């Protein structure tokens, strides 16, 4: 998860080993981490960027959340939204610089986990 200001300056970044789960489950967890961190920096508008079209579409109300594990995370995200004036969800492709940075953080955490285990 990478948290930036409106000038794309990194304010906070974090990679966490979550265990086994789908990519969409991981995306929801990253959004929860991001919104939790963002509340320490702003209560105004927050823009969330994700390479998961499904998660963005669910959070924007285009698709329903059918998976029970994702529904629980969806509910947590919607609760966190109340801390801000607005939260806007945007789909971006994997080549987006901040997505690539977040992937690098995750890969570093996974490498550390695999070398320890």
Protein backbone atom coordinates (compact mmCIF):
# COMPACT_ATOMS: atom_id res chain seq x y z
CA UNK A 1 0.00 0.00 0.00
CA UNK A 2 1.35 3.40 -0.99
CA UNK A 3 -0.15 6.62 0.38
CA UNK A 4 0.62 9.81 -1.56
CA UNK A 5 -0.37 13.44 -1.39
CA UNK A 6 -1.99 15.26 -4.31
CA UNK A 7 1.48 15.86 -5.81
CA UNK A 8 2.26 12.11 -5.78
CA UNK A 9 4.80 12.52 -2.98
CA UNK A 10 4.88 9.34 -0.90
CA UNK A 11 3.65 9.99 2.65
CA UNK A 12 3.55 6.39 3.85
CA UNK A 13 4.07 2.93 2.41
CA UNK A 14 3.66 -0.52 3.83
CA UNK A 15 3.95 -4.10 2.67
CA UNK A 16 2.30 -6.82 4.76
CA UNK A 17 2.22 -10.60 4.48
CA UNK A 18 -1.46 -11.49 4.64
CA UNK A 19 -1.27 -15.23 4.14
CA UNK A 20 -3.29 -17.05 1.53
CA UNK A 21 -6.13 -15.29 -0.23
CA UNK A 22 -7.29 -14.09 -3.61
CA UNK A 23 -5.89 -11.00 -5.29
CA UNK A 24 -9.21 -9.23 -4.66
CA UNK A 25 -9.07 -10.15 -0.98
CA UNK A 26 -5.56 -8.64 -0.87
CA UNK A 27 -6.78 -5.50 -2.69
CA UNK A 28 -9.54 -4.96 -0.13
CA UNK A 29 -7.04 -5.37 2.70
CA UNK A 30 -4.70 -2.86 1.06
CA UNK A 31 -7.55 -0.36 0.73
CA UNK A 32 -8.41 -0.83 4.41
CA UNK A 33 -4.76 -0.23 5.34
CA UNK A 34 -4.65 2.80 3.05
CA UNK A 35 -7.80 4.44 4.40
CA UNK A 36 -6.70 3.73 7.96
CA UNK A 37 -3.36 5.44 7.27
CA UNK A 38 -4.98 8.30 5.31
CA UNK A 39 -7.09 9.38 8.29
CA UNK A 40 -3.88 10.57 9.97
CA UNK A 41 -3.20 12.92 7.03
CA UNK A 42 -6.60 14.18 5.88
CA UNK A 43 -10.34 14.00 6.38
CA UNK A 44 -11.07 15.55 2.98
CA UNK A 45 -11.23 13.77 -0.37
CA UNK A 46 -9.24 10.56 -0.78
CA UNK A 47 -8.56 9.02 -4.20
CA UNK A 48 -7.96 5.26 -4.18
CA UNK A 49 -6.22 3.62 -7.13
CA UNK A 50 -6.39 -0.12 -7.67
CA UNK A 51 -5.60 -2.48 -10.51
CA UNK A 52 -8.56 -4.67 -9.53
CA UNK A 53 -11.46 -3.75 -11.78
CA UNK A 54 -13.75 -5.99 -9.71
CA UNK A 55 -12.95 -4.31 -6.38
CA UNK A 56 -13.24 -0.80 -7.85
CA UNK A 57 -16.55 -1.70 -9.50
CA UNK A 58 -17.88 -3.18 -6.25
CA UNK A 59 -16.86 -0.15 -4.20
CA UNK A 60 -18.39 2.18 -6.80
CA UNK A 61 -21.67 0.23 -6.63
CA UNK A 62 -21.48 -1.10 -10.20
CA UNK A 63 -21.18 -4.75 -9.12
CA UNK A 64 -22.64 -6.51 -6.11
CA UNK A 65 -20.34 -8.25 -3.65
CA UNK A 66 -21.28 -11.92 -3.62
CA UNK A 67 -18.25 -13.51 -1.97
CA UNK A 68 -18.75 -13.65 1.82
CA UNK A 69 -15.06 -12.96 2.59
CA UNK A 70 -15.08 -9.92 0.31
CA UNK A 71 -18.43 -8.73 1.68
CA UNK A 72 -16.95 -8.46 5.19
CA UNK A 73 -14.02 -6.41 3.86
CA UNK A 74 -16.38 -4.30 1.72
CA UNK A 75 -18.36 -3.43 4.84
CA UNK A 76 -15.16 -2.37 6.64
CA UNK A 77 -14.15 -0.15 3.72
CA UNK A 78 -17.57 1.48 3.62
CA UNK A 79 -17.27 2.18 7.37
CA UNK A 80 -13.88 3.81 6.89
CA UNK A 81 -15.28 6.00 4.09
CA UNK A 82 -17.32 7.83 6.73
CA UNK A 83 -14.08 9.32 8.11
CA UNK A 84 -13.60 11.39 4.96
CA UNK A 85 -15.49 14.05 3.05
CA UNK A 86 -15.37 11.75 0.01
CA UNK A 87 -13.58 8.66 -1.26
CA UNK A 88 -13.21 8.10 -5.00
CA UNK A 89 -12.21 4.70 -6.39
CA UNK A 90 -10.28 4.57 -9.64
CA UNK A 91 -9.21 1.59 -11.74
CA UNK A 92 -5.66 1.81 -13.12
CA UNK A 93 -3.54 -0.71 -14.95
CA UNK A 94 -0.66 -2.69 -13.46
CA UNK A 95 1.84 -0.40 -15.20
CA UNK A 96 0.77 2.60 -13.08
CA UNK A 97 3.86 3.80 -11.13
CA UNK A 98 2.23 3.54 -7.70
CA UNK A 99 0.83 0.07 -8.44
CA UNK A 100 4.33 -1.00 -9.47
CA UNK A 101 5.71 0.49 -6.24
CA UNK A 102 3.09 -1.35 -4.15
CA UNK A 103 3.89 -4.59 -6.01
CA UNK A 104 7.57 -4.09 -5.19
CA UNK A 105 6.72 -3.74 -1.49
CA UNK A 106 4.63 -6.91 -1.54
CA UNK A 107 7.29 -8.86 -3.42
CA UNK A 108 9.89 -7.78 -0.85
CA UNK A 109 7.67 -9.02 2.00
CA UNK A 110 6.98 -12.30 0.20
CA UNK A 111 10.70 -12.83 -0.44
CA UNK A 112 11.45 -12.25 3.26
CA UNK A 113 8.69 -14.69 4.23
CA UNK A 114 9.93 -17.37 1.85
CA UNK A 115 13.56 -17.08 2.97
CA UNK A 116 12.54 -17.37 6.64
CA UNK A 117 10.27 -20.35 6.14
